Amino acid sequence: MRILARGARFTRVPWVLVASTSVSLTTTIRAGVREVRVIGSLLSRTDSSKRPARRRIRHW
């Protein structure tokens, strides 16, 4: 444990800054993922409520 503490003192990493940045990034990414899921579910509802999807025409 003392070796880790010495290494932390030597590099002088601002651990509070690292921790707060990590928390901020995590919450932002989670919010973005949730937003994409909500938009995707809304789009799938509007697509299913309309006419059925057209069949794709194959071009040979």
Foldseek 3Di string as FASTA:
>chain_A
DVVVVVVCVVVVDPVVVVVVVVVVVVVVVVVVVVVVVVVVVVVVVVQVVDDDDDDDDDDD
